N, C-alpha and C. Protein backbone atom coordinates (compact mmCIF):
# COMPACT_ATOMS: atom_id res chain seq x y z
N MET A 1 28.82 -25.47 -11.01
CA MET A 1 27.47 -24.77 -11.86
C MET A 1 27.89 -23.67 -12.74
N LYS A 2 28.14 -23.38 -13.68
CA LYS A 2 28.71 -22.35 -14.71
C LYS A 2 27.33 -20.96 -14.59
N SER A 3 28.05 -20.13 -14.27
CA SER A 3 26.71 -18.92 -14.15
C SER A 3 26.43 -18.32 -15.92
N SER A 4 25.61 -18.35 -16.30
CA SER A 4 25.43 -17.33 -17.60
C SER A 4 25.41 -16.43 -17.80
N LYS A 5 26.00 -15.25 -18.76
CA LYS A 5 26.21 -13.95 -18.50
C LYS A 5 25.00 -13.37 -17.98
N ASN A 6 24.32 -13.94 -19.24
CA ASN A 6 22.63 -13.04 -18.72
C ASN A 6 22.17 -13.51 -17.75
N ARG A 7 22.02 -14.28 -16.82
CA ARG A 7 21.62 -14.51 -16.04
C ARG A 7 22.53 -13.70 -14.61
N VAL A 8 23.42 -13.95 -14.90
CA VAL A 8 24.10 -12.97 -13.98
C VAL A 8 23.71 -11.35 -14.08
N GLU A 9 23.52 -10.86 -15.45
CA GLU A 9 23.22 -9.56 -15.71
C GLU A 9 21.96 -9.89 -15.06
N GLU A 10 20.82 -9.93 -15.48
CA GLU A 10 19.88 -10.03 -14.84
C GLU A 10 19.54 -10.29 -13.35
N PHE A 11 20.86 -10.84 -12.99
CA PHE A 11 21.00 -10.97 -10.98
C PHE A 11 21.26 -9.37 -10.21
N ILE A 12 21.98 -8.75 -11.08
CA ILE A 12 22.85 -7.04 -10.85
C ILE A 12 21.60 -6.08 -10.96
N ARG A 13 20.99 -6.85 -12.34
CA ARG A 13 19.63 -5.68 -12.25
C ARG A 13 19.14 -5.41 -11.24
N VAL A 14 18.62 -6.85 -11.24
CA VAL A 14 17.11 -6.96 -10.36
C VAL A 14 17.50 -6.31 -8.56
N ASP A 15 18.75 -6.98 -8.17
CA ASP A 15 19.65 -7.05 -7.41
C ASP A 15 19.78 -5.39 -6.91
N HIS A 16 20.65 -4.45 -8.08
CA HIS A 16 20.33 -3.42 -7.78
C HIS A 16 18.98 -2.51 -7.34
N ALA A 17 17.61 -2.41 -8.31
CA ALA A 17 16.19 -2.14 -8.44
C ALA A 17 16.10 -2.94 -6.95
N GLY A 18 16.27 -3.79 -6.70
CA GLY A 18 15.57 -4.34 -5.15
C GLY A 18 16.19 -3.46 -3.84
N GLU A 19 17.31 -3.39 -4.00
CA GLU A 19 17.95 -2.30 -2.77
C GLU A 19 17.66 -0.97 -2.98
N ARG A 20 17.90 -0.20 -3.78
CA ARG A 20 17.84 1.08 -3.95
C ARG A 20 15.97 0.84 -3.99
N GLY A 21 15.12 -0.31 -4.14
CA GLY A 21 13.91 -0.15 -3.58
C GLY A 21 13.63 0.48 -1.32
N ALA A 22 14.88 -1.03 -1.88
CA ALA A 22 14.56 -0.83 0.35
C ALA A 22 14.79 0.74 1.18
N VAL A 23 15.88 0.96 0.01
CA VAL A 23 16.44 2.10 0.55
C VAL A 23 15.24 2.86 0.46
N LYS A 24 14.28 3.44 -0.79
CA LYS A 24 13.19 4.11 -1.00
C LYS A 24 12.00 3.76 0.06
N ILE A 25 12.02 2.51 0.51
CA ILE A 25 11.10 2.07 1.58
C ILE A 25 11.54 3.11 2.54
N TYR A 26 12.74 2.84 3.41
CA TYR A 26 13.50 3.68 4.15
C TYR A 26 13.00 4.79 4.36
N GLU A 27 12.95 5.31 3.09
CA GLU A 27 12.57 6.49 3.25
C GLU A 27 11.38 7.31 3.10
N GLY A 28 10.87 6.47 3.13
CA GLY A 28 9.54 6.99 2.82
C GLY A 28 8.99 6.73 4.77
N GLN A 29 9.52 5.93 5.29
CA GLN A 29 8.99 5.93 6.61
C GLN A 29 9.67 6.06 7.45
N LEU A 30 10.85 7.01 6.74
CA LEU A 30 11.88 8.31 7.19
C LEU A 30 10.63 9.15 7.59
N LEU A 31 10.10 9.58 6.58
CA LEU A 31 9.16 10.97 6.00
C LEU A 31 8.46 10.71 7.09
N ALA A 32 7.34 9.71 7.03
CA ALA A 32 6.69 9.68 7.99
C ALA A 32 6.34 9.58 9.31
N LEU A 33 8.03 9.44 10.07
CA LEU A 33 8.56 9.18 10.92
C LEU A 33 8.90 10.70 11.58
N ASN A 34 9.66 11.55 10.09
CA ASN A 34 9.79 13.03 10.73
C ASN A 34 8.54 13.69 10.36
N THR A 35 7.44 13.84 10.58
CA THR A 35 7.06 14.45 9.43
C THR A 35 5.26 14.38 10.71
N LEU A 36 4.76 13.27 10.14
CA LEU A 36 2.97 13.20 10.88
C LEU A 36 3.43 11.50 11.87
N VAL A 37 4.20 10.94 12.27
CA VAL A 37 4.19 10.03 13.08
C VAL A 37 5.80 9.93 13.87
N LYS A 38 4.86 10.31 14.94
CA LYS A 38 6.87 10.56 16.47
C LYS A 38 6.48 9.09 17.17
N ASP A 39 8.15 8.07 16.57
CA ASP A 39 8.41 7.34 16.82
C ASP A 39 9.80 7.05 17.24
N GLU A 40 10.52 8.01 18.18
CA GLU A 40 11.54 8.34 17.81
C GLU A 40 12.87 6.67 17.97
N ASN A 41 12.37 5.95 18.51
CA ASN A 41 12.77 4.14 18.56
C ASN A 41 12.53 3.95 17.10
N LEU A 42 11.34 3.63 16.86
CA LEU A 42 11.40 3.53 15.30
C LEU A 42 12.25 3.60 13.94
N LYS A 43 12.32 4.92 14.49
CA LYS A 43 13.02 5.88 13.76
C LYS A 43 14.40 5.58 13.83
N LYS A 44 15.01 5.48 14.58
CA LYS A 44 16.57 5.04 15.36
C LYS A 44 16.69 3.69 14.80
N VAL A 45 15.57 2.36 14.82
CA VAL A 45 15.66 1.46 14.51
C VAL A 45 16.22 1.40 12.59
N ILE A 46 14.99 2.09 11.96
CA ILE A 46 14.74 2.07 10.56
C ILE A 46 16.17 2.66 10.10
N GLU A 47 16.16 4.05 10.63
CA GLU A 47 17.76 4.57 9.72
C GLU A 47 19.45 3.63 10.58
N GLU A 48 19.42 2.60 11.40
CA GLU A 48 19.65 1.78 11.53
C GLU A 48 20.09 0.61 9.99
N MET A 49 18.86 0.08 9.61
CA MET A 49 18.60 -0.82 8.72
C MET A 49 18.55 0.17 6.90
N LYS A 50 18.72 1.20 7.16
CA LYS A 50 18.51 1.93 6.34
C LYS A 50 20.12 1.95 5.80
N VAL A 51 20.43 2.02 6.88
CA VAL A 51 22.55 2.12 6.24
C VAL A 51 22.28 0.91 5.43
N HIS A 52 22.32 -0.29 5.91
CA HIS A 52 22.87 -1.33 5.22
C HIS A 52 22.03 -1.88 4.13
N GLU A 53 21.24 -1.56 3.61
CA GLU A 53 20.29 -1.12 2.13
C GLU A 53 20.78 0.38 1.67
N ILE A 54 21.77 1.06 2.42
CA ILE A 54 22.08 1.48 1.14
C ILE A 54 23.79 0.94 0.98
N GLU A 55 24.45 0.81 1.81
CA GLU A 55 25.52 -0.57 1.33
C GLU A 55 25.61 -1.29 0.26
N HIS A 56 24.67 -2.17 0.40
CA HIS A 56 24.30 -2.91 -0.71
C HIS A 56 23.39 -2.40 -2.21
N CYS A 57 22.78 -1.46 -1.48
CA CYS A 57 22.44 -0.97 -3.10
C CYS A 57 24.72 0.44 -3.81
N GLU A 58 24.94 0.14 -3.20
CA GLU A 58 26.62 1.35 -3.41
C GLU A 58 26.97 -0.11 -4.66
N PHE A 59 26.96 -1.49 -3.73
CA PHE A 59 27.57 -2.61 -4.11
C PHE A 59 27.03 -2.83 -5.95
N PHE A 60 25.83 -2.87 -5.72
CA PHE A 60 25.31 -3.38 -7.10
C PHE A 60 24.97 -1.88 -8.02
N GLU A 61 25.19 -0.50 -7.33
CA GLU A 61 25.04 0.53 -8.80
C GLU A 61 26.43 0.78 -9.00
N LYS A 62 28.02 -0.20 -8.75
CA LYS A 62 29.77 0.02 -9.00
C LYS A 62 29.07 -1.49 -9.83
N GLU A 63 28.59 -1.83 -9.71
CA GLU A 63 28.43 -3.74 -10.46
C GLU A 63 28.04 -3.15 -11.49
N ILE A 64 27.12 -2.29 -11.54
CA ILE A 64 26.33 -1.98 -13.02
C ILE A 64 26.80 -1.17 -13.68
N LYS A 65 27.20 -0.20 -13.38
CA LYS A 65 28.74 0.66 -14.09
C LYS A 65 29.67 -0.25 -14.60
N LYS A 66 30.61 -1.43 -13.84
CA LYS A 66 31.46 -1.75 -14.20
C LYS A 66 31.37 -2.91 -15.35
N ARG A 67 30.14 -3.58 -14.93
CA ARG A 67 29.87 -4.54 -15.70
C ARG A 67 29.13 -3.89 -17.34
N LYS A 68 28.88 -2.54 -17.22
CA LYS A 68 27.69 -1.98 -18.19
C LYS A 68 26.38 -2.75 -18.86
N ILE A 69 25.75 -3.06 -17.76
CA ILE A 69 24.23 -3.55 -17.24
C ILE A 69 23.31 -2.38 -17.53
N LYS A 70 22.70 -2.68 -18.17
CA LYS A 70 21.35 -1.84 -17.88
C LYS A 70 20.70 -1.81 -16.73
N PRO A 71 19.82 -0.64 -16.09
CA PRO A 71 19.71 -0.95 -14.77
C PRO A 71 18.06 -1.01 -15.62
N THR A 72 17.34 -1.20 -14.45
CA THR A 72 15.80 -1.47 -15.28
C THR A 72 14.76 -0.20 -15.30
N LYS A 73 14.72 -0.54 -16.06
CA LYS A 73 13.35 1.15 -16.49
C LYS A 73 12.50 1.67 -15.69
N PHE A 74 11.98 0.34 -15.36
CA PHE A 74 11.35 0.77 -13.99
C PHE A 74 11.44 1.50 -12.69
N LEU A 75 13.38 2.03 -12.64
CA LEU A 75 13.44 2.54 -11.31
C LEU A 75 12.87 3.66 -10.98
N PRO A 76 12.76 4.95 -11.69
CA PRO A 76 11.54 5.32 -11.29
C PRO A 76 10.79 5.54 -10.69
N LEU A 77 9.68 4.58 -10.76
CA LEU A 77 8.56 3.94 -10.65
C LEU A 77 8.48 3.15 -9.37
N TRP A 78 9.67 2.39 -9.97
CA TRP A 78 9.81 1.91 -7.70
C TRP A 78 10.26 2.52 -6.82
N ASP A 79 10.87 4.04 -7.40
CA ASP A 79 11.42 4.15 -5.89
C ASP A 79 10.02 5.32 -5.67
N ILE A 80 8.83 5.31 -6.63
CA ILE A 80 7.59 6.48 -6.50
C ILE A 80 6.91 5.07 -5.39
N LEU A 81 7.27 3.78 -5.79
CA LEU A 81 6.19 2.33 -4.91
C LEU A 81 6.57 2.84 -4.00
N GLY A 82 8.16 2.71 -3.83
CA GLY A 82 9.15 2.32 -2.11
C GLY A 82 8.77 3.58 -1.65
N VAL A 83 9.21 4.80 -1.46
CA VAL A 83 8.63 5.92 -1.17
C VAL A 83 7.30 5.61 -0.63
N GLY A 84 6.48 5.85 -0.96
CA GLY A 84 4.98 5.36 -0.77
C GLY A 84 4.61 4.50 0.01
N LEU A 85 5.12 2.97 -0.01
CA LEU A 85 4.85 2.46 0.60
C LEU A 85 5.66 1.74 1.58
N GLY A 86 6.34 3.29 2.19
CA GLY A 86 6.85 3.21 3.24
C GLY A 86 6.23 3.75 4.08
N PHE A 87 5.91 5.53 3.55
CA PHE A 87 5.17 6.15 4.21
C PHE A 87 3.28 5.50 4.16
N GLY A 88 3.35 4.99 3.29
CA GLY A 88 1.74 4.84 3.79
C GLY A 88 2.38 3.33 4.96
N SER A 89 2.69 3.24 5.13
CA SER A 89 3.03 1.37 6.08
C SER A 89 3.21 1.86 7.56
N THR A 90 4.09 3.23 7.25
CA THR A 90 4.12 3.68 9.10
C THR A 90 3.02 4.46 9.73
N LEU A 91 2.03 5.20 8.11
CA LEU A 91 1.27 5.26 9.02
C LEU A 91 0.25 5.12 9.76
N LEU A 92 -0.07 3.68 8.93
CA LEU A 92 -0.80 2.65 9.45
C LEU A 92 -0.14 2.40 11.23
N GLY A 93 1.23 2.74 11.34
CA GLY A 93 1.29 1.71 12.39
C GLY A 93 2.44 1.24 12.98
N LYS A 94 3.62 1.43 13.93
CA LYS A 94 4.35 0.56 13.74
C LYS A 94 4.56 -0.48 13.51
N LYS A 95 3.14 -1.69 14.02
CA LYS A 95 3.11 -2.93 13.46
C LYS A 95 3.12 -3.28 12.15
N ALA A 96 2.85 -2.36 11.43
CA ALA A 96 2.44 -2.23 9.90
C ALA A 96 3.40 -1.54 9.29
N ALA A 97 4.51 -0.71 10.11
CA ALA A 97 5.80 -0.44 9.45
C ALA A 97 6.70 -1.83 9.15
N MET A 98 6.78 -2.62 10.50
CA MET A 98 7.80 -3.53 10.46
C MET A 98 7.33 -4.82 9.56
N LEU A 99 6.07 -4.30 9.87
CA LEU A 99 5.71 -5.96 9.27
C LEU A 99 5.92 -5.82 7.58
N CYS A 100 5.83 -4.46 6.67
CA CYS A 100 6.25 -3.76 5.54
C CYS A 100 8.00 -4.51 5.51
N THR A 101 9.00 -4.30 6.72
CA THR A 101 10.07 -4.89 6.48
C THR A 101 10.37 -6.50 6.38
N ALA A 102 9.22 -6.64 6.88
CA ALA A 102 9.45 -8.14 7.17
C ALA A 102 9.06 -9.17 6.11
N SER A 103 7.84 -8.32 5.51
CA SER A 103 6.93 -9.17 4.43
C SER A 103 8.19 -8.87 2.75
N VAL A 104 8.66 -8.12 2.89
CA VAL A 104 9.90 -7.78 2.15
C VAL A 104 10.65 -8.33 2.20
N GLU A 105 11.74 -8.13 3.40
CA GLU A 105 12.83 -9.71 3.37
C GLU A 105 12.60 -10.87 2.78
N GLU A 106 11.29 -11.80 3.67
CA GLU A 106 11.08 -12.64 3.60
C GLU A 106 11.18 -13.24 2.03
N VAL A 107 10.66 -12.03 0.86
CA VAL A 107 11.10 -12.56 -0.33
C VAL A 107 12.01 -12.66 -0.43
N ILE A 108 12.66 -11.67 -0.30
CA ILE A 108 14.39 -11.33 -0.37
C ILE A 108 15.55 -12.72 -0.31
N ASP A 109 14.84 -13.30 0.68
CA ASP A 109 15.64 -13.69 1.73
C ASP A 109 15.37 -15.34 0.63
N LYS A 110 14.43 -15.76 0.31
CA LYS A 110 14.46 -16.74 -1.07
C LYS A 110 14.48 -15.90 -2.53
N HIS A 111 14.97 -15.39 -2.58
CA HIS A 111 15.42 -14.58 -3.97
C HIS A 111 16.94 -14.44 -4.05
N TYR A 112 17.08 -13.81 -3.13
CA TYR A 112 19.05 -14.13 -2.53
C TYR A 112 19.48 -15.62 -2.63
N GLN A 113 18.60 -16.75 -1.65
CA GLN A 113 18.87 -17.56 -1.68
C GLN A 113 18.87 -18.61 -3.29
N ASN A 114 17.69 -18.22 -3.99
CA ASN A 114 17.99 -18.57 -5.73
C ASN A 114 19.01 -18.38 -6.12
N GLN A 115 19.47 -16.90 -5.99
CA GLN A 115 20.85 -16.27 -7.41
C GLN A 115 22.05 -17.24 -6.40
N ILE A 116 21.89 -17.54 -4.76
CA ILE A 116 23.22 -17.84 -3.85
C ILE A 116 23.28 -19.26 -4.88
N ASP A 117 22.56 -19.85 -4.74
CA ASP A 117 22.44 -21.73 -5.53
C ASP A 117 22.70 -22.03 -6.88
N GLU A 118 21.99 -20.82 -7.98
CA GLU A 118 22.33 -20.59 -9.24
C GLU A 118 23.80 -20.04 -9.69
N LEU A 119 24.50 -19.98 -8.51
CA LEU A 119 25.81 -18.61 -9.03
C LEU A 119 26.70 -19.87 -9.34
N GLY A 120 27.96 -19.44 -10.35
CA GLY A 120 29.19 -20.51 -10.20
C GLY A 120 29.82 -19.90 -9.51
N ALA A 121 31.81 -21.04 -9.67
CA ALA A 121 32.62 -20.73 -9.08
C ALA A 121 33.22 -19.06 -9.72
N ASP A 122 32.55 -19.16 -10.65
CA ASP A 122 33.27 -18.09 -12.03
C ASP A 122 32.39 -16.50 -11.37
N GLU A 123 31.35 -16.56 -10.37
CA GLU A 123 30.74 -15.28 -9.59
C GLU A 123 31.14 -15.62 -8.34
N LYS A 124 32.34 -15.83 -7.78
CA LYS A 124 32.63 -16.11 -6.76
C LYS A 124 32.43 -15.06 -5.39
N ASP A 125 33.03 -13.82 -6.23
CA ASP A 125 32.61 -13.10 -5.28
C ASP A 125 31.97 -12.11 -4.76
N LEU A 126 30.66 -12.48 -6.84
CA LEU A 126 29.38 -11.74 -5.81
C LEU A 126 28.89 -12.16 -5.52
N LYS A 127 29.09 -13.99 -5.22
CA LYS A 127 28.49 -14.68 -4.81
C LYS A 127 28.80 -14.71 -3.13
N LYS A 128 29.29 -14.19 -2.81
CA LYS A 128 30.37 -13.83 -1.49
C LYS A 128 29.21 -12.71 -0.84
N LYS A 129 29.26 -11.81 -1.76
CA LYS A 129 28.72 -10.69 -1.35
C LYS A 129 26.50 -10.93 -1.20
N ILE A 130 26.00 -11.82 -2.37
CA ILE A 130 24.85 -11.76 -2.35
C ILE A 130 24.49 -12.41 -0.52
N ILE A 131 25.21 -13.52 -0.41
CA ILE A 131 25.17 -14.19 0.72
C ILE A 131 26.11 -13.75 1.80
N LYS A 132 26.19 -12.30 1.97
CA LYS A 132 26.42 -11.36 2.84
C LYS A 132 25.42 -10.48 3.41
N PHE A 133 24.92 -10.42 1.95
CA PHE A 133 23.55 -9.38 2.48
C PHE A 133 22.56 -9.67 2.45
N ARG A 134 22.32 -11.03 2.07
CA ARG A 134 20.97 -12.54 2.08
C ARG A 134 20.98 -11.78 4.13
N GLU A 135 22.29 -12.38 4.83
CA GLU A 135 22.67 -12.28 6.02
C GLU A 135 22.28 -10.74 6.39
N ASP A 136 22.61 -10.21 5.63
CA ASP A 136 21.82 -8.35 6.42
C ASP A 136 20.01 -8.52 6.54
N GLU A 137 19.61 -9.21 5.61
CA GLU A 137 18.19 -9.13 5.06
C GLU A 137 17.25 -9.96 6.21
N LEU A 138 18.17 -11.40 6.47
CA LEU A 138 17.59 -12.26 7.73
C LEU A 138 17.33 -11.45 8.81
N HIS A 139 18.86 -10.40 9.18
CA HIS A 139 18.57 -10.07 10.16
C HIS A 139 17.29 -9.00 10.41
N HIS A 140 17.21 -8.07 9.33
CA HIS A 140 16.26 -6.86 8.85
C HIS A 140 14.82 -7.37 9.98
N LYS A 141 14.83 -8.97 8.90
CA LYS A 141 13.56 -9.63 9.39
C LYS A 141 13.36 -9.62 10.91
N ASN A 142 14.17 -10.25 11.65
CA ASN A 142 14.16 -10.17 12.81
C ASN A 142 14.53 -9.49 13.58
N ILE A 143 14.40 -8.32 13.33
CA ILE A 143 14.05 -7.02 14.05
C ILE A 143 12.95 -6.62 14.19
N ALA A 144 12.31 -6.85 13.09
CA ALA A 144 10.98 -6.04 12.49
C ALA A 144 10.22 -7.04 13.17
N TYR A 145 10.35 -8.56 13.32
CA TYR A 145 9.27 -9.82 14.19
C TYR A 145 9.83 -8.71 15.67
N ASP A 146 10.47 -8.65 16.04
CA ASP A 146 11.28 -8.03 18.05
C ASP A 146 10.68 -7.31 17.74
N LYS A 147 10.08 -6.11 16.79
CA LYS A 147 10.01 -4.55 17.01
C LYS A 147 8.16 -4.66 16.53
N GLY A 148 8.09 -5.71 16.44
CA GLY A 148 6.62 -5.96 16.73
C GLY A 148 5.50 -6.67 15.16
N ALA A 149 6.19 -6.43 14.30
CA ALA A 149 5.73 -6.85 13.04
C ALA A 149 4.93 -8.39 13.19
N THR A 150 3.20 -7.98 12.67
CA THR A 150 2.86 -9.35 12.65
C THR A 150 1.58 -9.82 11.34
N LYS A 151 1.17 -10.75 11.76
CA LYS A 151 0.24 -11.07 10.08
C LYS A 151 -0.56 -11.66 10.46
N LYS A 152 -1.44 -11.00 12.25
CA LYS A 152 -2.64 -11.95 12.65
C LYS A 152 -3.35 -10.30 11.69
N GLY A 153 -4.89 -10.91 11.60
CA GLY A 153 -5.68 -10.03 11.38
C GLY A 153 -5.52 -9.66 10.14
N LEU A 154 -6.25 -8.21 9.71
CA LEU A 154 -5.60 -7.86 8.66
C LEU A 154 -4.42 -7.28 7.83
N TYR A 155 -4.02 -7.88 8.78
CA TYR A 155 -2.06 -7.72 8.27
C TYR A 155 -1.76 -9.03 7.85
N SER A 156 -2.37 -9.81 7.18
CA SER A 156 -2.13 -10.79 7.07
C SER A 156 -2.42 -10.61 5.21
N VAL A 157 -3.69 -9.67 4.91
CA VAL A 157 -3.60 -9.06 3.66
C VAL A 157 -2.62 -8.14 3.24
N MET A 158 -2.53 -7.76 4.29
CA MET A 158 -1.10 -6.14 3.80
C MET A 158 0.20 -7.19 3.39
N ASP A 159 0.35 -8.30 4.10
CA ASP A 159 1.62 -8.98 3.53
C ASP A 159 1.66 -10.18 2.53
N ARG A 160 0.03 -10.09 2.24
CA ARG A 160 0.32 -11.08 0.82
C ARG A 160 0.20 -9.83 -0.06
N ILE A 161 -0.23 -8.51 0.18
CA ILE A 161 0.02 -7.59 -0.77
C ILE A 161 1.43 -6.72 -1.41
N ILE A 162 1.78 -6.70 -0.21
CA ILE A 162 3.49 -6.26 0.00
C ILE A 162 4.48 -7.83 -0.91
N LYS A 163 3.82 -9.21 -0.37
CA LYS A 163 4.62 -10.04 -1.32
C LYS A 163 4.73 -9.97 -2.45
N THR A 164 3.08 -10.07 -2.94
CA THR A 164 3.40 -9.96 -4.42
C THR A 164 3.41 -8.85 -5.26
N GLY A 165 3.28 -7.84 -4.47
CA GLY A 165 4.10 -6.26 -5.53
C GLY A 165 5.53 -6.52 -5.30
N SER A 166 6.30 -7.13 -4.13
CA SER A 166 7.70 -7.58 -4.35
C SER A 166 8.14 -8.82 -5.64
N LYS A 167 7.34 -9.47 -5.47
CA LYS A 167 7.56 -10.84 -6.88
C LYS A 167 7.51 -10.19 -8.15
N ILE A 168 6.02 -9.43 -8.60
CA ILE A 168 6.05 -8.85 -9.56
C ILE A 168 7.58 -7.97 -9.86
N ALA A 169 7.59 -7.00 -8.40
CA ALA A 169 9.22 -5.98 -9.60
C ALA A 169 10.07 -6.95 -10.08
N ILE A 170 10.51 -7.40 -8.79
CA ILE A 170 11.34 -8.82 -9.44
C ILE A 170 11.29 -9.36 -10.58
N ASN A 171 10.21 -10.18 -10.87
CA ASN A 171 10.42 -10.50 -12.19
C ASN A 171 10.04 -9.39 -13.35
N ILE A 172 9.70 -8.47 -13.22
CA ILE A 172 9.91 -7.11 -14.32
C ILE A 172 11.15 -6.62 -14.09
N SER A 173 12.01 -6.29 -13.04
CA SER A 173 13.03 -5.61 -12.76
C SER A 173 14.63 -6.54 -13.42
N GLU A 174 14.58 -7.79 -13.57
CA GLU A 174 15.22 -9.29 -14.54
C GLU A 174 15.21 -9.16 -15.69
N LYS A 175 13.79 -8.43 -16.48
CA LYS A 175 14.40 -8.87 -18.01
C LYS A 175 14.04 -7.70 -18.38
N ILE A 176 13.51 -6.23 -17.66
CA ILE A 176 13.31 -4.98 -18.66
C ILE A 176 14.43 -3.85 -17.46
């Protein structure tokens, strides 16, 4: 399957926005953990996951520049929403903070898998990176569930809200 140039540009634009969004979510969570919520174990877990997201974001930042792709016009809004989501979910407690990670990663898992399936041999290096990043995201999802993420009770509503917001951001960021 041959990848069209426009689709690859959309992939890179949206992945850049998404990875930057993940960094911002973790920054929001760490802001809450450094100010209002004291949980050193959770802070350590989030700091470790943030390192991967920075690596992913830096890769897509380089691709944006190298390929002369315009980033999404919504980056400033996604930054604010990401920090807010991270901060707010952490104020709700450890289960909510970890559900935030799990919910986002479940959307990204499918998102990256669709890209992997669509990318052709002409983009084997990009495909290899996305495969690796998807594995990192699945690892984050597993950590989140190990650390208390749940979809029981009202957490199921939070899960749906986060997933819906993530899907909307993906659809917008691909195009604009």
